[in-house]
Amino acid sequence: MEIAFVILSILLVLFALLALYDGFYLHIFKYQLQNQVQSKNEHLTHTIRAVLFPAIVYFLFLKQDCVISFYLGLAFVLIDLTVLGIDAYMEKDSRAFMGGLPRWEYILHLFVNGFHFASIAVFISLKLQLNKEGITIIPNFYSYQNFYIFKLIALNILPGAILIGLIHILVIIPKTAVVWNKWREKISCC
């Protein structure tokens, strides 16, 4: 089980790095999807997922000793998966203003979501134990040293994830979007 926490930690870090590049730099900063008429709904799905991610990290990964928290985390994962399907369905039309989704960005999306859902699958496989009585939920991982490495990574990712979720929300609100757009116009690189 110790090696599974190392794998889980690597998956979470890879997801966080690629998601920051894709979700913030490409979607909000470079392409400014929130300002494109065709991309408003896509940005909304990204916003929902950006808000769900910190909730998944907290309730599924970090909140130990609480079965309700585990079920709540699973519910957030199911909502996230549903929103991902909606996002993927509308992405072709959403990116018409730029001639469609670039192939390299499509590949990036595959990796980002692959690492995201792989980390969730590995965690769930650790949390659930199959025995003669059925499926048991492991209450906590306190006895595993590598869990604390994973927990430290998740705790350090959480503030940034919350910030990215807030930025997604702020660029939707007209008053704060104006401030963001003025600030963004001053940056000529990237």
C-alpha atoms as a PDB file:
ATOM      1  CA  MET A   1       0.000   0.000   0.000  1.00  0.00           C
ATOM      2  CA  GLU A   2       2.939   2.340   0.632  1.00  0.00           C
ATOM      3  CA  ILE A   3       3.906   2.384  -3.065  1.00  0.00           C
ATOM      4  CA  ALA A   4       0.299   3.210  -3.987  1.00  0.00           C
ATOM      5  CA  PHE A   5       0.571   6.452  -1.995  1.00  0.00           C
ATOM      6  CA  VAL A   6       3.761   7.330  -3.891  1.00  0.00           C
ATOM      7  CA  ILE A   7       1.948   6.687  -7.203  1.00  0.00           C
ATOM      8  CA  LEU A   8      -1.025   8.670  -5.956  1.00  0.00           C
ATOM      9  CA  SER A   9       1.248  11.581  -5.020  1.00  0.00           C
ATOM     10  CA  ILE A  10       2.898  11.585  -8.452  1.00  0.00           C
ATOM     11  CA  LEU A  11      -0.463  11.494 -10.225  1.00  0.00           C
ATOM     12  CA  LEU A  12      -1.789  14.377  -8.143  1.00  0.00           C
ATOM     13  CA  VAL A  13       1.296  16.542  -8.779  1.00  0.00           C
ATOM     14  CA  LEU A  14       1.219  15.814 -12.531  1.00  0.00           C
ATOM     15  CA  PHE A  15      -2.475  16.647 -12.658  1.00  0.00           C
ATOM     16  CA  ALA A  16      -2.010  19.898 -10.720  1.00  0.00           C
ATOM     17  CA  LEU A  17       0.851  21.111 -12.926  1.00  0.00           C
ATOM     18  CA  LEU A  18      -0.876  20.285 -16.222  1.00  0.00           C
ATOM     19  CA  ALA A  19      -4.238  21.609 -15.002  1.00  0.00           C
ATOM     20  CA  LEU A  20      -2.636  24.904 -13.992  1.00  0.00           C
ATOM     21  CA  TYR A  21      -1.088  25.256 -17.447  1.00  0.00           C
ATOM     22  CA  ASP A  22      -4.264  24.230 -19.276  1.00  0.00           C
ATOM     23  CA  GLY A  23      -6.964  25.692 -17.035  1.00  0.00           C
ATOM     24  CA  PHE A  24      -5.335  28.961 -16.137  1.00  0.00           C
ATOM     25  CA  TYR A  25      -2.689  29.814 -18.704  1.00  0.00           C
ATOM     26  CA  LEU A  26      -4.344  28.490 -21.879  1.00  0.00           C
ATOM     27  CA  HIS A  27      -8.056  28.849 -21.103  1.00  0.00           C
ATOM     28  CA  ILE A  28      -8.160  32.055 -19.065  1.00  0.00           C
ATOM     29  CA  PHE A  29      -4.944  33.904 -19.844  1.00  0.00           C
ATOM     30  CA  LYS A  30      -3.988  33.102 -23.453  1.00  0.00           C
ATOM     31  CA  TYR A  31      -7.249  32.214 -25.230  1.00  0.00           C
ATOM     32  CA  GLN A  32      -9.495  34.120 -22.797  1.00  0.00           C
ATOM     33  CA  LEU A  33     -12.351  31.663 -23.256  1.00  0.00           C
ATOM     34  CA  GLN A  34     -14.460  33.618 -20.771  1.00  0.00           C
ATOM     35  CA  ASN A  35     -14.514  36.544 -23.256  1.00  0.00           C
ATOM     36  CA  GLN A  36     -15.452  34.504 -26.338  1.00  0.00           C
ATOM     37  CA  VAL A  37     -19.174  34.298 -27.094  1.00  0.00           C
ATOM     38  CA  GLN A  38     -18.905  30.720 -28.373  1.00  0.00           C
ATOM     39  CA  SER A  39     -16.913  29.662 -25.298  1.00  0.00           C
ATOM     40  CA  LYS A  40     -19.121  30.972 -22.478  1.00  0.00           C
ATOM     41  CA  ASN A  41     -20.628  27.550 -21.765  1.00  0.00           C
ATOM     42  CA  GLU A  42     -17.248  25.849 -21.958  1.00  0.00           C
ATOM     43  CA  HIS A  43     -15.871  28.342 -19.452  1.00  0.00           C
ATOM     44  CA  LEU A  44     -18.857  27.618 -17.208  1.00  0.00           C
ATOM     45  CA  THR A  45     -18.056  23.885 -17.254  1.00  0.00           C
ATOM     46  CA  HIS A  46     -14.410  24.692 -16.489  1.00  0.00           C
ATOM     47  CA  THR A  47     -15.553  26.880 -13.599  1.00  0.00           C
ATOM     48  CA  ILE A  48     -17.723  24.114 -12.160  1.00  0.00           C
ATOM     49  CA  ARG A  49     -14.820  21.664 -12.411  1.00  0.00           C
ATOM     50  CA  ALA A  50     -12.393  24.207 -10.919  1.00  0.00           C
ATOM     51  CA  VAL A  51     -14.723  24.573  -7.923  1.00  0.00           C
ATOM     52  CA  LEU A  52     -15.264  20.810  -7.621  1.00  0.00           C
ATOM     53  CA  PHE A  53     -11.554  19.954  -7.559  1.00  0.00           C
ATOM     54  CA  PRO A  54     -10.750  21.487  -4.138  1.00  0.00           C
ATOM     55  CA  ALA A  55     -13.911  19.851  -2.784  1.00  0.00           C
ATOM     56  CA  ILE A  56     -12.725  16.486  -4.115  1.00  0.00           C
ATOM     57  CA  VAL A  57      -9.261  16.989  -2.617  1.00  0.00           C
ATOM     58  CA  TYR A  58     -10.713  17.918   0.760  1.00  0.00           C
ATOM     59  CA  PHE A  59     -13.630  15.515   1.130  1.00  0.00           C
ATOM     60  CA  LEU A  60     -12.254  12.499  -0.718  1.00  0.00           C
ATOM     61  CA  PHE A  61      -8.502  12.681  -0.111  1.00  0.00           C
ATOM     62  CA  LEU A  62      -7.958  14.636   3.103  1.00  0.00           C
ATOM     63  CA  LYS A  63     -10.973  14.240   5.371  1.00  0.00           C
ATOM     64  CA  GLN A  64     -10.250  10.984   7.173  1.00  0.00           C
ATOM     65  CA  ASP A  65     -12.366   9.115   9.745  1.00  0.00           C
ATOM     66  CA  CYS A  66     -15.666  10.235   8.192  1.00  0.00           C
ATOM     67  CA  VAL A  67     -17.665   7.952   5.945  1.00  0.00           C
ATOM     68  CA  ILE A  68     -20.075  10.768   5.040  1.00  0.00           C
ATOM     69  CA  SER A  69     -17.123  12.812   3.789  1.00  0.00           C
ATOM     70  CA  PHE A  70     -16.012   9.878   1.622  1.00  0.00           C
ATOM     71  CA  TYR A  71     -19.492   9.568   0.086  1.00  0.00           C
ATOM     72  CA  LEU A  72     -19.650  13.330  -0.426  1.00  0.00           C
ATOM     73  CA  GLY A  73     -16.257  13.176  -2.168  1.00  0.00           C
ATOM     74  CA  LEU A  74     -17.570  10.387  -4.415  1.00  0.00           C
ATOM     75  CA  ALA A  75     -20.633  12.498  -5.243  1.00  0.00           C
ATOM     76  CA  PHE A  76     -18.359  15.382  -6.258  1.00  0.00           C
ATOM     77  CA  VAL A  77     -16.382  12.982  -8.460  1.00  0.00           C
ATOM     78  CA  LEU A  78     -19.579  11.828 -10.211  1.00  0.00           C
ATOM     79  CA  ILE A  79     -20.655  15.446 -10.772  1.00  0.00           C
ATOM     80  CA  ASP A  80     -17.163  16.231 -12.083  1.00  0.00           C
ATOM     81  CA  LEU A  81     -17.314  13.296 -14.485  1.00  0.00           C
ATOM     82  CA  THR A  82     -20.726  14.438 -15.751  1.00  0.00           C
ATOM     83  CA  VAL A  83     -19.530  18.013 -16.255  1.00  0.00           C
ATOM     84  CA  LEU A  84     -16.436  16.693 -18.064  1.00  0.00           C
ATOM     85  CA  GLY A  85     -18.713  14.852 -20.507  1.00  0.00           C
ATOM     86  CA  ILE A  86     -20.712  18.026 -21.143  1.00  0.00           C
ATOM     87  CA  ASP A  87     -17.498  20.015 -21.601  1.00  0.00           C
ATOM     88  CA  ALA A  88     -16.076  17.513 -24.091  1.00  0.00           C
ATOM     89  CA  TYR A  89     -19.342  17.475 -26.035  1.00  0.00           C
ATOM     90  CA  MET A  90     -19.434  21.254 -26.510  1.00  0.00           C
ATOM     91  CA  GLU A  91     -15.705  21.839 -27.006  1.00  0.00           C
ATOM     92  CA  LYS A  92     -15.726  21.574 -30.819  1.00  0.00           C
ATOM     93  CA  ASP A  93     -18.290  24.372 -31.235  1.00  0.00           C
ATOM     94  CA  SER A  94     -16.782  26.373 -28.388  1.00  0.00           C
ATOM     95  CA  ARG A  95     -13.417  26.649 -30.105  1.00  0.00           C
ATOM     96  CA  ALA A  96     -14.746  27.662 -33.540  1.00  0.00           C
ATOM     97  CA  PHE A  97     -13.357  31.199 -33.012  1.00  0.00           C
ATOM     98  CA  MET A  98      -9.825  29.768 -33.136  1.00  0.00           C
ATOM     99  CA  GLY A  99     -10.370  27.207 -35.873  1.00  0.00           C
ATOM    100  CA  GLY A 100     -11.126  24.376 -33.477  1.00  0.00           C
ATOM    101  CA  LEU A 101      -9.267  22.802 -30.601  1.00  0.00           C
ATOM    102  CA  PRO A 102      -5.585  22.354 -31.468  1.00  0.00           C
ATOM    103  CA  ARG A 103      -4.554  18.691 -31.584  1.00  0.00           C
ATOM    104  CA  TRP A 104      -1.800  19.228 -29.002  1.00  0.00           C
ATOM    105  CA  GLU A 105      -4.311  20.777 -26.584  1.00  0.00           C
ATOM    106  CA  TYR A 106      -6.660  17.842 -27.108  1.00  0.00           C
ATOM    107  CA  ILE A 107      -3.768  15.533 -26.146  1.00  0.00           C
ATOM    108  CA  LEU A 108      -3.040  17.744 -23.132  1.00  0.00           C
ATOM    109  CA  HIS A 109      -6.687  17.376 -22.044  1.00  0.00           C
ATOM    110  CA  LEU A 110      -6.361  13.587 -22.265  1.00  0.00           C
ATOM    111  CA  PHE A 111      -3.327  13.626 -19.972  1.00  0.00           C
ATOM    112  CA  VAL A 112      -4.796  16.146 -17.518  1.00  0.00           C
ATOM    113  CA  ASN A 113      -8.015  14.182 -17.115  1.00  0.00           C
ATOM    114  CA  GLY A 114      -6.170  10.869 -17.171  1.00  0.00           C
ATOM    115  CA  PHE A 115      -3.974  11.889 -14.223  1.00  0.00           C
ATOM    116  CA  HIS A 116      -6.980  13.386 -12.426  1.00  0.00           C
ATOM    117  CA  PHE A 117      -9.188  10.331 -12.638  1.00  0.00           C
ATOM    118  CA  ALA A 118      -6.291   7.892 -12.191  1.00  0.00           C
ATOM    119  CA  SER A 119      -5.483   9.561  -8.867  1.00  0.00           C
ATOM    120  CA  ILE A 120      -9.110   9.214  -7.830  1.00  0.00           C
ATOM    121  CA  ALA A 121      -9.245   5.557  -8.938  1.00  0.00           C
ATOM    122  CA  VAL A 122      -6.035   4.696  -7.045  1.00  0.00           C
ATOM    123  CA  PHE A 123      -7.346   6.418  -3.915  1.00  0.00           C
ATOM    124  CA  ILE A 124     -10.714   4.649  -4.087  1.00  0.00           C
ATOM    125  CA  SER A 125      -8.962   1.303  -4.604  1.00  0.00           C
ATOM    126  CA  LEU A 126      -7.011   1.984  -1.405  1.00  0.00           C
ATOM    127  CA  LYS A 127     -10.051   3.194   0.535  1.00  0.00           C
ATOM    128  CA  LEU A 128     -12.268   0.222  -0.280  1.00  0.00           C
ATOM    129  CA  GLN A 129     -11.440  -3.261   0.932  1.00  0.00           C
ATOM    130  CA  LEU A 130     -13.170  -6.368  -0.354  1.00  0.00           C
ATOM    131  CA  ASN A 131     -13.671  -9.041   2.313  1.00  0.00           C
ATOM    132  CA  LYS A 132     -16.065 -11.884   3.202  1.00  0.00           C
ATOM    133  CA  GLU A 133     -18.646  -9.435   4.576  1.00  0.00           C
ATOM    134  CA  GLY A 134     -18.602  -7.335   1.408  1.00  0.00           C
ATOM    135  CA  ILE A 135     -16.937  -4.000   0.850  1.00  0.00           C
ATOM    136  CA  THR A 136     -15.443  -2.174   3.818  1.00  0.00           C
ATOM    137  CA  ILE A 137     -14.339   1.448   3.804  1.00  0.00           C
ATOM    138  CA  ILE A 138     -10.897   1.842   5.382  1.00  0.00           C
ATOM    139  CA  PRO A 139     -11.480   4.562   8.002  1.00  0.00           C
ATOM    140  CA  ASN A 140      -8.029   6.189   7.739  1.00  0.00           C
ATOM    141  CA  PHE A 141      -4.490   5.745   6.498  1.00  0.00           C
ATOM    142  CA  TYR A 142      -2.664   7.093   9.551  1.00  0.00           C
ATOM    143  CA  SER A 143      -0.543   3.958   9.920  1.00  0.00           C
ATOM    144  CA  TYR A 144       1.025   4.392   6.473  1.00  0.00           C
ATOM    145  CA  GLN A 145       4.061   6.664   6.335  1.00  0.00           C
ATOM    146  CA  ASN A 146       3.661   7.551   2.641  1.00  0.00           C
ATOM    147  CA  PHE A 147       0.113   8.706   3.298  1.00  0.00           C
ATOM    148  CA  TYR A 148       1.600  11.722   5.061  1.00  0.00           C
ATOM    149  CA  ILE A 149       3.622  12.622   1.952  1.00  0.00           C
ATOM    150  CA  PHE A 150       0.444  12.416  -0.118  1.00  0.00           C
ATOM    151  CA  LYS A 151      -1.456  14.411   2.508  1.00  0.00           C
ATOM    152  CA  LEU A 152       1.237  17.107   2.514  1.00  0.00           C
ATOM    153  CA  ILE A 153       1.041  17.367  -1.282  1.00  0.00           C
ATOM    154  CA  ALA A 154      -2.768  17.524  -1.221  1.00  0.00           C
ATOM    155  CA  LEU A 155      -2.729  20.174   1.530  1.00  0.00           C
ATOM    156  CA  ASN A 156      -0.280  22.288  -0.478  1.00  0.00           C
ATOM    157  CA  ILE A 157      -2.296  21.937  -3.686  1.00  0.00           C
ATOM    158  CA  LEU A 158      -5.532  22.941  -1.968  1.00  0.00           C
ATOM    159  CA  PRO A 159      -4.935  26.738  -1.610  1.00  0.00           C
ATOM    160  CA  GLY A 160      -3.865  27.057  -5.251  1.00  0.00           C
ATOM    161  CA  ALA A 161      -6.843  24.998  -6.375  1.00  0.00           C
ATOM    162  CA  ILE A 162      -9.189  27.237  -4.408  1.00  0.00           C
ATOM    163  CA  LEU A 163      -7.531  30.322  -5.936  1.00  0.00           C
ATOM    164  CA  ILE A 164      -7.922  28.952  -9.480  1.00  0.00           C
ATOM    165  CA  GLY A 165     -11.592  28.207  -8.760  1.00  0.00           C
ATOM    166  CA  LEU A 166     -12.082  31.775  -7.522  1.00  0.00           C
ATOM    167  CA  ILE A 167     -10.366  33.217 -10.590  1.00  0.00           C
ATOM    168  CA  HIS A 168     -12.693  31.163 -12.816  1.00  0.00           C
ATOM    169  CA  ILE A 169     -15.662  32.647 -10.962  1.00  0.00           C
ATOM    170  CA  LEU A 170     -14.310  36.216 -10.936  1.00  0.00           C
ATOM    171  CA  VAL A 171     -13.800  36.339 -14.705  1.00  0.00           C
ATOM    172  CA  ILE A 172     -17.492  35.464 -15.179  1.00  0.00           C
ATOM    173  CA  ILE A 173     -18.772  38.320 -12.989  1.00  0.00           C
ATOM    174  CA  PRO A 174     -18.998  41.448 -15.176  1.00  0.00           C
ATOM    175  CA  LYS A 175     -17.471  43.912 -12.664  1.00  0.00           C
ATOM    176  CA  THR A 176     -14.496  41.741 -11.793  1.00  0.00           C
ATOM    177  CA  ALA A 177     -14.097  40.568 -15.399  1.00  0.00           C
ATOM    178  CA  VAL A 178     -13.499  44.183 -16.448  1.00  0.00           C
ATOM    179  CA  VAL A 179     -10.700  44.469 -13.890  1.00  0.00           C
ATOM    180  CA  TRP A 180      -9.169  41.178 -15.055  1.00  0.00           C
ATOM    181  CA  ASN A 181      -9.377  42.183 -18.731  1.00  0.00           C
ATOM    182  CA  LYS A 182      -7.711  45.556 -18.079  1.00  0.00           C
ATOM    183  CA  TRP A 183      -4.949  43.861 -16.143  1.00  0.00           C
ATOM    184  CA  ARG A 184      -4.565  41.193 -18.845  1.00  0.00           C
ATOM    185  CA  GLU A 185      -4.241  43.832 -21.623  1.00  0.00           C
ATOM    186  CA  LYS A 186      -1.162  45.252 -19.898  1.00  0.00           C
ATOM    187  CA  ILE A 187       0.727  41.987 -20.310  1.00  0.00           C
ATOM    188  CA  SER A 188       2.177  41.635 -23.805  1.00  0.00           C
ATOM    189  CA  CYS A 189       4.036  38.373 -23.459  1.00  0.00           C
ATOM    190  CA  CYS A 190       2.622  34.842 -23.638  1.00  0.00           C
END
